[in-house]
Amino acid sequence: MRWLAWVGGLASGVVLGIACGLPSEDCTIGSVSCPCTAGGACDPGLTCVGGSCILLECPVGAEGCPCTGGGVCDPGLTCDGGTCVGGPGTGGPSGPSTATDGPGTDSATDGTDSADTGGLKLDVGAGDTTGGVCMQGGCTAVDMLFAIDSSLSMSEEIAALSASQAFSAVVEDLEGLNCGSIDYRIGLTNDNDGGFIGVGANGHPWFDSGEMPSDQLASAFTSAANTVLGAGGTAIGCEHVLSSSLSTLALDTTGFLRPEALLVLVLITDVDDYGYYDQAGSGFCQGLPVSLCPVVPQPVDVIYDQLVALKDGDPQGLAAIVVAGDPGVTAGANLCGQPASCCGGGFECGQAHHAPRLWDFADMQAGTNGFTGNICQGAAQIPLLIQDALANNIDLACQAFEPPG
């Protein structure tokens, strides 16, 4: 809740992630044959179709099965009328769109149903995969960097992600990309250019599957994630998970990035990248002292280009999972008149604010490489949204990426 910045130090008692609806006595929201959440999510293994959670026997993206919500299928297949087929198709209900302000080709796939196309939510549960055929090519390595907002208002989200069973499930899905045997590294940073957080094997400030068994790796990550909260010291309005990801990678001297690995950024925040007091229509807050956040951020497309350059100029080598406030959902406005995706408690509407910069960044990703999920779905949904992205968008991105050499 961003309003706590005004009353100082009270954020430790914040309760985030309130459900947007109450289940009926006979049907629990998110369970099979019951309504989806307000954000379009379901229990693991279920998919939100037409507002109800159903079990799809046919994996999204496979031949003869539904296309993704953005009209994308497994490599070699084409979306024809909402179904993946082997030959040229006509596209899904709306087909993938093109980001107007970035160099990418397709829009990110949202972790919610499309309101105007009826597109399927990409929410295959843990352990499921999108593809029916294992690819001979594609990536065999992934470098995954988590950038997490260190504000005290993120306490429940960080706790949900760092829960041992939850993150172990994320690791399991990561290991299963492109039919398995993925060599992966996981790094962690905050929203204030803090560099890598945590210590892995051999003194590395990140966690490598070649140096640590998966259970030890997951435990080390969760321990490091629990130190993120409140450690950034970020000024109000200066939270910047995207910009911090770039600085962490660009200034790294430890060798985290590998040419052969797909780079996956996981950006988790309840505000935009340098956006809280800088959004349009900020009301009387427009005249607040510049000390709140004096930084003028780089344009998102400039950040994107710099990240692609780190992958030797190959856009297919970069992917993004964004979990933040959905700019397409407005629950109200805070005291500054800024739009919020969900309100929460307190005397103003400000549990999570719109994150247009982060949404734009996800839209810039090539192919299926961008995924967006609304943080307002609740803290418990954070690891599930990441699993959704891995089992769908990132699995397809991994299959499509051809490492150099």
Protein backbone atom coordinates (compact mmCIF):
# COMPACT_ATOMS: atom_id res chain seq x y z
CA MET A 1 0.00 0.00 0.00
CA ARG A 2 1.75 3.08 -1.24
CA TRP A 3 -0.18 5.42 1.08
CA LEU A 4 1.94 4.19 3.98
CA ALA A 5 4.81 6.26 2.63
CA TRP A 6 2.88 9.27 3.91
CA VAL A 7 2.50 8.07 7.46
CA GLY A 8 5.92 6.43 7.70
CA GLY A 9 6.94 3.15 9.23
CA LEU A 10 3.48 1.59 9.47
CA ALA A 11 3.88 -0.68 6.47
CA SER A 12 4.86 -3.70 8.55
CA GLY A 13 1.19 -4.26 9.27
CA VAL A 14 0.05 -4.10 5.67
CA VAL A 15 -2.06 -6.93 4.38
CA LEU A 16 -1.95 -7.19 0.59
CA GLY A 17 -3.51 -9.39 -1.98
CA ILE A 18 -7.13 -9.17 -0.91
CA ALA A 19 -9.41 -11.35 -2.97
CA CYS A 20 -11.60 -9.42 -5.37
CA GLY A 21 -14.60 -11.61 -4.77
CA LEU A 22 -16.05 -14.05 -2.29
CA PRO A 23 -16.65 -17.69 -3.15
CA SER A 24 -20.14 -19.07 -2.98
CA GLU A 25 -20.94 -21.74 -0.43
CA ASP A 26 -20.89 -24.48 -3.07
CA CYS A 27 -18.18 -23.30 -5.47
CA THR A 28 -14.75 -22.06 -4.45
CA ILE A 29 -13.34 -19.41 -6.75
CA GLY A 30 -10.48 -20.82 -8.81
CA SER A 31 -11.46 -24.50 -8.48
CA VAL A 32 -12.69 -26.74 -11.29
CA SER A 33 -16.03 -25.72 -12.85
CA CYS A 34 -16.13 -22.66 -10.58
CA PRO A 35 -15.61 -18.97 -11.42
CA CYS A 36 -12.10 -17.70 -12.13
CA THR A 37 -10.68 -14.98 -9.92
CA ALA A 38 -11.42 -11.38 -10.92
CA GLY A 39 -8.01 -11.34 -12.59
CA GLY A 40 -8.74 -14.52 -14.57
CA ALA A 41 -6.64 -16.98 -12.55
CA CYS A 42 -7.44 -20.55 -11.53
CA ASP A 43 -5.97 -23.25 -9.34
CA PRO A 44 -2.84 -24.99 -10.73
CA GLY A 45 -3.66 -27.25 -13.67
CA LEU A 46 -6.85 -25.38 -14.58
CA THR A 47 -7.48 -22.76 -17.27
CA CYS A 48 -9.88 -19.82 -17.20
CA VAL A 49 -12.27 -20.04 -20.17
CA GLY A 50 -15.35 -17.84 -20.38
CA GLY A 51 -15.04 -16.93 -16.71
CA SER A 52 -14.96 -20.55 -15.47
CA CYS A 53 -12.02 -22.75 -14.46
CA ILE A 54 -11.79 -25.87 -16.60
CA LEU A 55 -9.36 -28.75 -17.05
CA LEU A 56 -7.89 -28.74 -20.54
CA GLU A 57 -6.74 -32.17 -21.66
CA CYS A 58 -5.21 -30.49 -24.69
CA PRO A 59 -2.06 -28.47 -23.84
CA VAL A 60 -2.17 -24.85 -24.96
CA GLY A 61 0.03 -24.29 -28.03
CA ALA A 62 0.21 -27.96 -29.13
CA GLU A 63 -1.12 -29.23 -32.49
CA GLY A 64 -4.89 -29.51 -32.52
CA CYS A 65 -5.11 -27.61 -29.22
CA PRO A 66 -6.01 -23.99 -28.37
CA CYS A 67 -3.58 -21.23 -29.31
CA THR A 68 -2.24 -19.01 -26.57
CA GLY A 69 -4.23 -15.90 -25.72
CA GLY A 70 -1.96 -13.94 -28.07
CA GLY A 71 -2.56 -16.31 -30.99
CA VAL A 72 0.76 -18.17 -30.71
CA CYS A 73 1.52 -21.91 -31.08
CA ASP A 74 4.46 -24.24 -30.62
CA PRO A 75 7.27 -23.85 -33.20
CA GLY A 76 6.24 -25.18 -36.61
CA LEU A 77 2.53 -24.68 -35.95
CA THR A 78 0.18 -21.84 -36.87
CA CYS A 79 -2.87 -20.47 -35.09
CA ASP A 80 -5.97 -20.97 -37.28
CA GLY A 81 -9.25 -19.77 -35.80
CA GLY A 82 -7.99 -20.29 -32.27
CA THR A 83 -6.55 -23.79 -32.87
CA CYS A 84 -2.91 -24.72 -33.54
CA VAL A 85 -2.51 -26.44 -36.93
CA GLY A 86 0.41 -27.69 -38.99
CA GLY A 87 -0.09 -25.47 -42.03
CA PRO A 88 -0.55 -21.73 -42.66
CA GLY A 89 -3.40 -20.37 -40.56
CA THR A 90 -5.52 -17.31 -40.22
CA GLY A 91 -4.45 -16.41 -36.72
CA GLY A 92 -6.24 -16.55 -33.43
CA PRO A 93 -9.24 -14.51 -32.36
CA SER A 94 -7.20 -11.34 -32.58
CA GLY A 95 -3.65 -12.53 -33.24
CA PRO A 96 -0.51 -11.11 -31.68
CA SER A 97 -0.27 -7.34 -31.79
CA THR A 98 2.78 -5.20 -32.32
CA ALA A 99 4.17 -2.89 -29.67
CA THR A 100 3.97 0.64 -31.02
CA ASP A 101 6.83 2.04 -28.97
CA GLY A 102 9.40 -0.70 -29.06
CA PRO A 103 11.47 -2.82 -31.43
CA GLY A 104 9.77 -6.13 -30.63
CA THR A 105 7.28 -7.85 -32.87
CA ASP A 106 4.54 -9.29 -30.66
CA SER A 107 2.69 -8.13 -27.61
CA ALA A 108 3.17 -9.82 -24.29
CA THR A 109 0.69 -12.46 -23.28
CA ASP A 110 -1.23 -11.43 -20.20
CA GLY A 111 -1.82 -13.77 -17.31
CA THR A 112 -5.53 -12.98 -17.54
CA ASP A 113 -8.31 -13.58 -20.01
CA SER A 114 -8.56 -11.06 -22.81
CA ALA A 115 -11.69 -9.01 -22.26
CA ASP A 116 -12.34 -8.41 -25.94
CA THR A 117 -11.11 -11.61 -27.59
CA GLY A 118 -12.01 -14.32 -25.13
CA GLY A 119 -8.40 -15.51 -25.33
CA LEU A 120 -7.22 -18.29 -23.06
CA LYS A 121 -5.25 -17.40 -19.97
CA LEU A 122 -1.83 -19.01 -20.04
CA ASP A 123 -2.14 -20.81 -16.74
CA VAL A 124 -1.05 -24.39 -17.24
CA GLY A 125 -0.26 -25.67 -13.78
CA ALA A 126 3.04 -26.78 -12.30
CA GLY A 127 4.62 -29.70 -14.07
CA ASP A 128 2.60 -29.22 -17.28
CA THR A 129 4.16 -28.02 -20.50
CA THR A 130 2.78 -26.32 -23.56
CA GLY A 131 4.47 -28.34 -26.24
CA GLY A 132 3.49 -31.73 -27.56
CA VAL A 133 6.81 -32.27 -29.37
CA CYS A 134 10.33 -31.97 -27.99
CA MET A 135 12.47 -29.66 -30.10
CA GLN A 136 15.87 -30.78 -31.34
CA GLY A 137 17.11 -27.21 -31.18
CA GLY A 138 16.31 -24.36 -28.86
CA CYS A 139 17.94 -23.35 -25.63
CA THR A 140 19.57 -25.73 -23.19
CA ALA A 141 20.52 -23.03 -20.68
CA VAL A 142 18.64 -20.21 -18.94
CA ASP A 143 19.94 -17.22 -16.96
CA MET A 144 17.03 -16.00 -14.81
CA LEU A 145 17.24 -12.71 -12.89
CA PHE A 146 14.60 -11.78 -10.33
CA ALA A 147 14.28 -8.04 -9.60
CA ILE A 148 11.98 -7.47 -6.62
CA ASP A 149 10.65 -4.20 -5.21
CA SER A 150 12.14 -3.88 -1.72
CA SER A 151 9.40 -1.59 -0.37
CA LEU A 152 7.77 -2.70 2.87
CA SER A 153 4.46 -2.83 1.03
CA MET A 154 5.81 -5.92 -0.78
CA SER A 155 6.07 -8.02 2.38
CA GLU A 156 3.35 -10.54 1.53
CA GLU A 157 4.42 -10.95 -2.09
CA ILE A 158 8.03 -11.62 -1.09
CA ALA A 159 6.92 -14.07 1.58
CA ALA A 160 4.73 -15.93 -0.92
CA LEU A 161 7.53 -16.24 -3.47
CA SER A 162 10.16 -17.23 -0.91
CA ALA A 163 8.03 -19.95 0.67
CA SER A 164 10.11 -23.10 0.20
CA GLN A 165 7.47 -25.23 -1.52
CA ALA A 166 6.35 -22.38 -3.77
CA PHE A 167 9.81 -21.59 -5.08
CA SER A 168 10.72 -25.26 -5.39
CA ALA A 169 7.75 -25.57 -7.76
CA VAL A 170 9.09 -22.61 -9.78
CA VAL A 171 12.48 -24.34 -10.01
CA GLU A 172 10.80 -27.57 -11.13
CA ASP A 173 9.07 -25.77 -13.99
CA LEU A 174 12.32 -24.05 -14.92
CA GLU A 175 14.08 -27.41 -15.10
CA GLY A 176 11.33 -28.70 -17.41
CA LEU A 177 11.74 -26.08 -20.14
CA ASN A 178 12.15 -27.44 -23.68
CA CYS A 179 11.46 -30.99 -22.45
CA GLY A 180 13.93 -30.80 -19.59
CA SER A 181 17.67 -31.02 -18.84
CA ILE A 182 17.98 -27.24 -18.66
CA ASP A 183 21.19 -25.81 -17.22
CA TYR A 184 20.09 -22.74 -15.28
CA ARG A 185 21.32 -19.89 -13.14
CA ILE A 186 19.14 -17.77 -10.89
CA GLY A 187 20.11 -14.30 -9.73
CA LEU A 188 18.35 -11.86 -7.42
CA THR A 189 18.46 -8.08 -7.12
CA ASN A 190 16.30 -5.29 -5.69
CA ASP A 191 14.79 -2.09 -7.07
CA ASN A 192 17.67 0.24 -6.20
CA ASP A 193 20.70 -0.87 -8.23
CA GLY A 194 21.79 -3.12 -5.37
CA GLY A 195 23.56 -5.64 -7.58
CA PHE A 196 23.25 -9.35 -6.91
CA ILE A 197 21.84 -10.39 -3.53
CA GLY A 198 22.80 -13.70 -1.94
CA VAL A 199 25.73 -16.09 -2.06
CA GLY A 200 25.76 -19.31 -4.04
CA ALA A 201 28.39 -22.01 -4.44
CA ASN A 202 32.03 -21.17 -5.12
CA GLY A 203 31.48 -17.62 -3.88
CA HIS A 204 29.23 -16.66 -6.79
CA PRO A 205 26.56 -14.03 -5.97
CA TRP A 206 23.98 -16.14 -7.82
CA PHE A 207 22.79 -19.74 -7.84
CA ASP A 208 23.90 -22.27 -10.48
CA SER A 209 22.26 -25.65 -11.14
CA GLY A 210 25.65 -27.05 -12.09
CA GLU A 211 27.04 -26.18 -8.67
CA MET A 212 24.07 -26.82 -6.37
CA PRO A 213 21.33 -29.47 -6.24
CA SER A 214 17.88 -28.04 -6.89
CA ASP A 215 16.68 -28.28 -3.29
CA GLN A 216 19.78 -26.49 -2.00
CA LEU A 217 19.48 -23.88 -4.75
CA ALA A 218 15.83 -23.19 -3.92
CA SER A 219 16.66 -22.89 -0.23
CA ALA A 220 19.53 -20.48 -0.91
CA PHE A 221 17.30 -18.31 -3.09
CA THR A 222 14.49 -18.14 -0.56
CA SER A 223 16.96 -17.14 2.17
CA ALA A 224 18.30 -14.36 -0.05
CA ALA A 225 14.79 -13.22 -1.03
CA ASN A 226 13.89 -12.79 2.62
CA THR A 227 16.63 -10.15 2.93
CA VAL A 228 15.24 -8.00 0.09
CA LEU A 229 12.41 -6.45 2.10
CA GLY A 230 13.25 -2.94 3.24
CA ALA A 231 16.88 -3.29 2.19
CA GLY A 232 16.78 -1.05 -0.87
CA GLY A 233 16.29 2.31 0.83
CA THR A 234 14.65 3.49 -2.38
CA ALA A 235 13.18 6.99 -2.36
CA ILE A 236 9.43 7.31 -2.87
CA GLY A 237 8.74 7.15 -6.58
CA CYS A 238 12.22 5.86 -7.39
CA GLU A 239 11.47 2.15 -7.25
CA HIS A 240 12.88 0.72 -10.48
CA VAL A 241 13.04 -3.03 -10.93
CA LEU A 242 13.58 -2.78 -14.70
CA SER A 243 16.33 -0.18 -14.56
CA SER A 244 17.95 -2.05 -11.66
CA SER A 245 17.97 -5.25 -13.72
CA LEU A 246 19.86 -3.49 -16.47
CA SER A 247 22.43 -1.98 -14.12
CA THR A 248 22.96 -5.32 -12.36
CA LEU A 249 23.66 -7.11 -15.63
CA ALA A 250 25.56 -4.34 -17.40
CA LEU A 251 27.94 -3.79 -14.47
CA ASP A 252 28.37 -7.45 -13.58
CA THR A 253 31.92 -8.77 -13.45
CA THR A 254 31.09 -12.23 -12.08
CA GLY A 255 30.13 -13.87 -15.38
CA PHE A 256 26.44 -14.41 -14.69
CA LEU A 257 25.39 -14.03 -18.32
CA ARG A 258 26.26 -16.82 -20.76
CA PRO A 259 26.05 -16.41 -24.56
CA GLU A 260 24.24 -19.74 -24.96
CA ALA A 261 21.58 -19.03 -22.33
CA LEU A 262 18.14 -17.48 -22.71
CA LEU A 263 18.01 -14.43 -20.42
CA VAL A 264 14.74 -14.25 -18.47
CA LEU A 265 13.96 -11.17 -16.35
CA VAL A 266 11.33 -11.56 -13.61
CA LEU A 267 10.13 -8.11 -12.49
CA ILE A 268 7.90 -7.97 -9.39
CA THR A 269 6.63 -4.66 -7.99
CA ASP A 270 3.49 -2.81 -6.91
CA VAL A 271 4.47 0.41 -8.73
CA ASP A 272 5.90 1.27 -12.12
CA ASP A 273 9.58 1.60 -12.99
CA TYR A 274 10.26 5.17 -11.76
CA GLY A 275 6.54 5.79 -12.04
CA TYR A 276 4.77 6.37 -8.73
CA TYR A 277 4.86 10.16 -8.44
CA ASP A 278 5.65 10.70 -12.10
CA GLN A 279 2.51 9.32 -13.70
CA ALA A 280 0.26 11.59 -15.70
CA GLY A 281 -2.51 13.24 -13.71
CA SER A 282 -0.61 13.18 -10.44
CA GLY A 283 -2.74 15.99 -8.98
CA PHE A 284 -1.29 18.10 -6.19
CA CYS A 285 1.69 15.73 -5.92
CA GLN A 286 3.01 17.28 -9.12
CA GLY A 287 4.38 20.13 -7.01
CA LEU A 288 6.05 18.02 -4.32
CA PRO A 289 9.78 18.55 -3.70
CA VAL A 290 12.01 17.02 -6.35
CA SER A 291 13.80 15.12 -3.57
CA LEU A 292 11.00 12.54 -3.68
CA CYS A 293 12.53 11.16 -6.87
CA PRO A 294 14.86 13.42 -8.84
CA VAL A 295 15.79 10.72 -11.35
CA VAL A 296 14.70 11.04 -14.98
CA PRO A 297 14.49 7.42 -16.18
CA GLN A 298 15.70 6.16 -19.52
CA PRO A 299 12.98 5.49 -22.09
CA VAL A 300 11.85 1.88 -22.00
CA ASP A 301 12.92 1.18 -25.57
CA VAL A 302 16.44 2.37 -24.74
CA ILE A 303 16.59 -0.05 -21.80
CA TYR A 304 15.28 -2.81 -24.06
CA ASP A 305 17.96 -2.12 -26.68
CA GLN A 306 20.71 -2.23 -24.04
CA LEU A 307 19.47 -5.56 -22.72
CA VAL A 308 19.28 -7.02 -26.23
CA ALA A 309 22.85 -5.82 -26.79
CA LEU A 310 23.90 -7.93 -23.80
CA LYS A 311 22.56 -10.91 -25.78
CA ASP A 312 24.73 -10.10 -28.78
CA GLY A 313 21.89 -8.20 -30.45
CA ASP A 314 19.52 -11.18 -30.63
CA PRO A 315 16.00 -10.24 -29.40
CA GLN A 316 15.10 -13.94 -29.16
CA GLY A 317 17.69 -14.26 -26.39
CA LEU A 318 15.74 -11.97 -24.03
CA ALA A 319 12.45 -12.70 -22.26
CA ALA A 320 10.46 -10.97 -19.52
CA ILE A 321 7.96 -11.98 -16.84
CA VAL A 322 6.28 -8.88 -15.38
CA VAL A 323 4.12 -9.11 -12.26
CA ALA A 324 2.87 -5.60 -11.45
CA GLY A 325 -0.20 -3.38 -11.60
CA ASP A 326 -2.16 -3.92 -14.80
CA PRO A 327 -2.64 -0.54 -16.58
CA GLY A 328 -5.82 -1.92 -18.13
CA VAL A 329 -7.50 -2.31 -14.74
CA THR A 330 -8.43 0.75 -12.66
CA ALA A 331 -9.89 0.32 -9.19
CA GLY A 332 -9.54 3.96 -8.17
CA ALA A 333 -6.91 6.63 -7.59
CA ASN A 334 -4.60 7.59 -4.74
CA LEU A 335 -4.40 10.99 -3.02
CA CYS A 336 -2.29 12.26 -5.90
CA GLY A 337 -4.92 11.28 -8.44
CA GLN A 338 -2.79 8.46 -9.82
CA PRO A 339 -4.57 5.32 -11.06
CA ALA A 340 -4.40 2.13 -9.04
CA SER A 341 -5.02 -1.40 -10.28
CA CYS A 342 -6.28 -2.36 -6.82
CA CYS A 343 -7.00 -0.30 -3.71
CA GLY A 344 -6.42 -2.39 -0.59
CA GLY A 345 -7.10 -0.94 2.84
CA GLY A 346 -6.19 2.42 4.31
CA PHE A 347 -7.48 5.89 3.65
CA GLU A 348 -6.60 6.00 -0.05
CA CYS A 349 -6.66 3.69 -3.04
CA GLY A 350 -3.10 2.57 -3.52
CA GLN A 351 -2.34 -1.12 -3.06
CA ALA A 352 -0.78 -1.40 -6.52
CA HIS A 353 -0.44 1.32 -9.13
CA HIS A 354 -0.48 1.11 -12.90
CA ALA A 355 2.84 -0.02 -14.39
CA PRO A 356 2.71 1.17 -18.03
CA ARG A 357 6.50 1.21 -18.46
CA LEU A 358 6.77 -2.41 -17.37
CA TRP A 359 3.81 -3.44 -19.55
CA ASP A 360 5.45 -1.67 -22.51
CA PHE A 361 8.69 -3.53 -21.83
CA ALA A 362 6.90 -6.88 -21.85
CA ASP A 363 5.17 -5.91 -25.12
CA MET A 364 8.53 -5.21 -26.75
CA GLN A 365 9.70 -8.79 -26.36
CA ALA A 366 10.00 -10.87 -29.50
CA GLY A 367 7.53 -13.66 -30.19
CA THR A 368 6.07 -15.14 -27.02
CA ASN A 369 8.95 -13.84 -24.89
CA GLY A 370 6.84 -11.36 -22.87
CA PHE A 371 4.39 -12.27 -20.09
CA THR A 372 2.40 -9.94 -17.83
CA GLY A 373 0.48 -10.81 -14.68
CA ASN A 374 -1.54 -8.52 -12.43
CA ILE A 375 -0.07 -8.36 -8.92
CA CYS A 376 -3.58 -7.56 -7.68
CA GLN A 377 -4.52 -11.21 -8.09
CA GLY A 378 -3.01 -11.64 -4.64
CA ALA A 379 0.28 -12.53 -3.01
CA ALA A 380 -0.35 -16.27 -3.22
CA GLN A 381 -0.65 -15.99 -7.01
CA ILE A 382 2.89 -14.60 -7.48
CA PRO A 383 4.68 -17.97 -7.75
CA LEU A 384 1.77 -19.41 -9.75
CA LEU A 385 1.96 -16.58 -12.29
CA ILE A 386 5.69 -17.24 -12.70
CA GLN A 387 4.97 -20.94 -13.19
CA ASP A 388 2.34 -20.03 -15.80
CA ALA A 389 4.86 -17.94 -17.67
CA LEU A 390 7.52 -20.65 -17.55
CA ALA A 391 5.20 -23.44 -18.69
CA ASN A 392 3.88 -21.38 -21.61
CA ASN A 393 5.64 -18.24 -22.86
CA ILE A 394 9.14 -19.03 -21.66
CA ASP A 395 8.95 -22.66 -22.79
CA LEU A 396 8.09 -21.45 -26.30
CA ALA A 397 10.78 -18.76 -26.10
CA CYS A 398 13.34 -21.39 -25.12
CA GLN A 399 12.33 -23.59 -28.05
CA ALA A 400 12.63 -20.66 -30.47
CA PHE A 401 16.01 -19.38 -29.25
CA GLU A 402 19.00 -20.62 -31.20
CA PRO A 403 22.21 -20.10 -29.19
CA PRO A 404 25.18 -18.66 -31.10
CA GLY A 405 27.64 -21.14 -32.55
